[in-house]
Amino acid sequence: MLNRWLLYQAVSCRLWGRTGLYQSSGAFGFRDQLQDVLALLHTRPDLAREQILNASRSQFEAGDVLHWWHPPSRLGVRTRISDDLLWLPL
């Protein structure tokens, strides 16, 4: 489970499908996606980098972010949820 299944689940369900229990709309979630990609830092750094860049595009000059958005329009909800900002530097 630790070597294959959980990593596969993180990629297929959370990053590609965006279909977690609380995220079934297919939207990208800023904090959720960055949390989930941490599991892939050592095994799939290419996917981790792609997701970090994707999240970075949702940050505004003022420092706040889109809490979630739908591709390709990038329409979503701009919030000032403080813990969102903790995950991009990590």
C-alpha atoms as a PDB file:
ATOM      1  CA  MET A   1       0.000   0.000   0.000  1.00  0.00           C
ATOM      2  CA  LEU A   2       2.671   2.477   0.929  1.00  0.00           C
ATOM      3  CA  ASN A   3       4.817   1.947  -2.144  1.00  0.00           C
ATOM      4  CA  ARG A   4       2.176   1.890  -4.879  1.00  0.00           C
ATOM      5  CA  TRP A   5      -1.514   2.016  -4.073  1.00  0.00           C
ATOM      6  CA  LEU A   6      -1.637   5.210  -2.003  1.00  0.00           C
ATOM      7  CA  LEU A   7       0.551   7.068  -4.487  1.00  0.00           C
ATOM      8  CA  TYR A   8      -1.635   5.857  -7.353  1.00  0.00           C
ATOM      9  CA  GLN A   9      -4.727   6.969  -5.452  1.00  0.00           C
ATOM     10  CA  ALA A  10      -3.261  10.430  -4.809  1.00  0.00           C
ATOM     11  CA  VAL A  11      -2.486  10.884  -8.507  1.00  0.00           C
ATOM     12  CA  SER A  12      -5.618   9.392 -10.046  1.00  0.00           C
ATOM     13  CA  CYS A  13      -8.258  10.560  -7.584  1.00  0.00           C
ATOM     14  CA  ARG A  14      -6.939  13.815  -6.206  1.00  0.00           C
ATOM     15  CA  LEU A  15      -4.733  15.339  -8.917  1.00  0.00           C
ATOM     16  CA  TRP A  16      -6.167  14.076 -12.189  1.00  0.00           C
ATOM     17  CA  GLY A  17      -9.765  13.308 -11.258  1.00  0.00           C
ATOM     18  CA  ARG A  18     -10.192  15.918  -8.533  1.00  0.00           C
ATOM     19  CA  THR A  19     -12.858  13.682  -7.030  1.00  0.00           C
ATOM     20  CA  GLY A  20     -12.148  13.481  -3.337  1.00  0.00           C
ATOM     21  CA  LEU A  21     -15.000  13.052  -0.892  1.00  0.00           C
ATOM     22  CA  TYR A  22     -15.298  16.796  -0.323  1.00  0.00           C
ATOM     23  CA  GLN A  23     -14.174  17.891  -3.813  1.00  0.00           C
ATOM     24  CA  SER A  24     -16.450  16.167  -6.296  1.00  0.00           C
ATOM     25  CA  SER A  25     -16.975  19.121  -8.637  1.00  0.00           C
ATOM     26  CA  GLY A  26     -13.806  18.581 -10.670  1.00  0.00           C
ATOM     27  CA  ALA A  27     -12.392  21.908  -9.535  1.00  0.00           C
ATOM     28  CA  PHE A  28      -8.800  22.433  -8.492  1.00  0.00           C
ATOM     29  CA  GLY A  29      -8.519  23.232  -4.789  1.00  0.00           C
ATOM     30  CA  PHE A  30      -5.540  25.378  -3.854  1.00  0.00           C
ATOM     31  CA  ARG A  31      -4.818  23.958  -0.404  1.00  0.00           C
ATOM     32  CA  ASP A  32      -6.075  20.439  -1.093  1.00  0.00           C
ATOM     33  CA  GLN A  33      -4.055  19.961  -4.256  1.00  0.00           C
ATOM     34  CA  LEU A  34      -0.872  21.230  -2.621  1.00  0.00           C
ATOM     35  CA  GLN A  35      -1.372  18.943   0.372  1.00  0.00           C
ATOM     36  CA  ASP A  36      -1.958  15.925  -1.834  1.00  0.00           C
ATOM     37  CA  VAL A  37       1.056  16.562  -4.044  1.00  0.00           C
ATOM     38  CA  LEU A  38       3.410  16.334  -1.048  1.00  0.00           C
ATOM     39  CA  ALA A  39       3.100  12.546  -1.266  1.00  0.00           C
ATOM     40  CA  LEU A  40       4.656  12.661  -4.740  1.00  0.00           C
ATOM     41  CA  LEU A  41       7.701  14.835  -4.112  1.00  0.00           C
ATOM     42  CA  HIS A  42      10.143  11.914  -4.157  1.00  0.00           C
ATOM     43  CA  THR A  43       8.427   9.545  -6.577  1.00  0.00           C
ATOM     44  CA  ARG A  44       6.979  11.906  -9.206  1.00  0.00           C
ATOM     45  CA  PRO A  45       8.715  15.282  -8.898  1.00  0.00           C
ATOM     46  CA  ASP A  46       7.471  16.194 -12.387  1.00  0.00           C
ATOM     47  CA  LEU A  47       3.837  15.965 -11.266  1.00  0.00           C
ATOM     48  CA  ALA A  48       4.621  17.828  -8.062  1.00  0.00           C
ATOM     49  CA  ARG A  49       6.263  20.653 -10.002  1.00  0.00           C
ATOM     50  CA  GLU A  50       3.356  20.857 -12.446  1.00  0.00           C
ATOM     51  CA  GLN A  51       0.864  21.112  -9.579  1.00  0.00           C
ATOM     52  CA  ILE A  52       2.899  23.733  -7.720  1.00  0.00           C
ATOM     53  CA  LEU A  53       3.071  25.865 -10.862  1.00  0.00           C
ATOM     54  CA  ASN A  54      -0.646  25.385 -11.431  1.00  0.00           C
ATOM     55  CA  ALA A  55      -1.419  26.592  -7.909  1.00  0.00           C
ATOM     56  CA  SER A  56       0.993  29.506  -8.263  1.00  0.00           C
ATOM     57  CA  ARG A  57      -1.013  30.819 -11.209  1.00  0.00           C
ATOM     58  CA  SER A  58      -3.957  31.265  -8.852  1.00  0.00           C
ATOM     59  CA  GLN A  59      -2.216  33.677  -6.514  1.00  0.00           C
ATOM     60  CA  PHE A  60      -2.908  37.404  -6.819  1.00  0.00           C
ATOM     61  CA  GLU A  61      -0.521  40.298  -6.322  1.00  0.00           C
ATOM     62  CA  ALA A  62      -2.154  41.057  -2.974  1.00  0.00           C
ATOM     63  CA  GLY A  63      -1.119  37.562  -1.806  1.00  0.00           C
ATOM     64  CA  ASP A  64      -4.559  35.971  -1.677  1.00  0.00           C
ATOM     65  CA  VAL A  65      -5.504  33.040  -3.923  1.00  0.00           C
ATOM     66  CA  LEU A  66      -8.387  31.363  -5.673  1.00  0.00           C
ATOM     67  CA  HIS A  67      -9.482  28.827  -3.060  1.00  0.00           C
ATOM     68  CA  TRP A  68     -10.767  26.642  -5.903  1.00  0.00           C
ATOM     69  CA  TRP A  69     -11.202  27.044  -9.669  1.00  0.00           C
ATOM     70  CA  HIS A  70     -12.409  25.178 -12.722  1.00  0.00           C
ATOM     71  CA  PRO A  71     -10.139  24.626 -15.720  1.00  0.00           C
ATOM     72  CA  PRO A  72      -9.758  25.921 -18.391  1.00  0.00           C
ATOM     73  CA  SER A  73     -11.629  29.123 -17.512  1.00  0.00           C
ATOM     74  CA  ARG A  74      -9.961  29.427 -14.090  1.00  0.00           C
ATOM     75  CA  LEU A  75     -13.252  30.745 -12.737  1.00  0.00           C
ATOM     76  CA  GLY A  76     -13.488  30.133  -9.034  1.00  0.00           C
ATOM     77  CA  VAL A  77     -13.735  31.630  -5.585  1.00  0.00           C
ATOM     78  CA  ARG A  78     -11.244  34.241  -4.431  1.00  0.00           C
ATOM     79  CA  THR A  79     -10.979  34.107  -0.661  1.00  0.00           C
ATOM     80  CA  ARG A  80      -8.736  35.236   2.138  1.00  0.00           C
ATOM     81  CA  ILE A  81      -8.559  31.870   3.891  1.00  0.00           C
ATOM     82  CA  SER A  82      -5.337  32.129   5.841  1.00  0.00           C
ATOM     83  CA  ASP A  83      -4.202  28.494   5.733  1.00  0.00           C
ATOM     84  CA  ASP A  84      -4.187  28.481   1.907  1.00  0.00           C
ATOM     85  CA  LEU A  85      -1.099  30.647   2.023  1.00  0.00           C
ATOM     86  CA  LEU A  86       0.800  28.162   4.198  1.00  0.00           C
ATOM     87  CA  TRP A  87       0.915  25.395   1.600  1.00  0.00           C
ATOM     88  CA  LEU A  88       2.632  27.067  -1.370  1.00  0.00           C
ATOM     89  CA  PRO A  89       5.893  27.793   0.521  1.00  0.00           C
ATOM     90  CA  LEU A  90       5.903  24.282   1.996  1.00  0.00           C
END
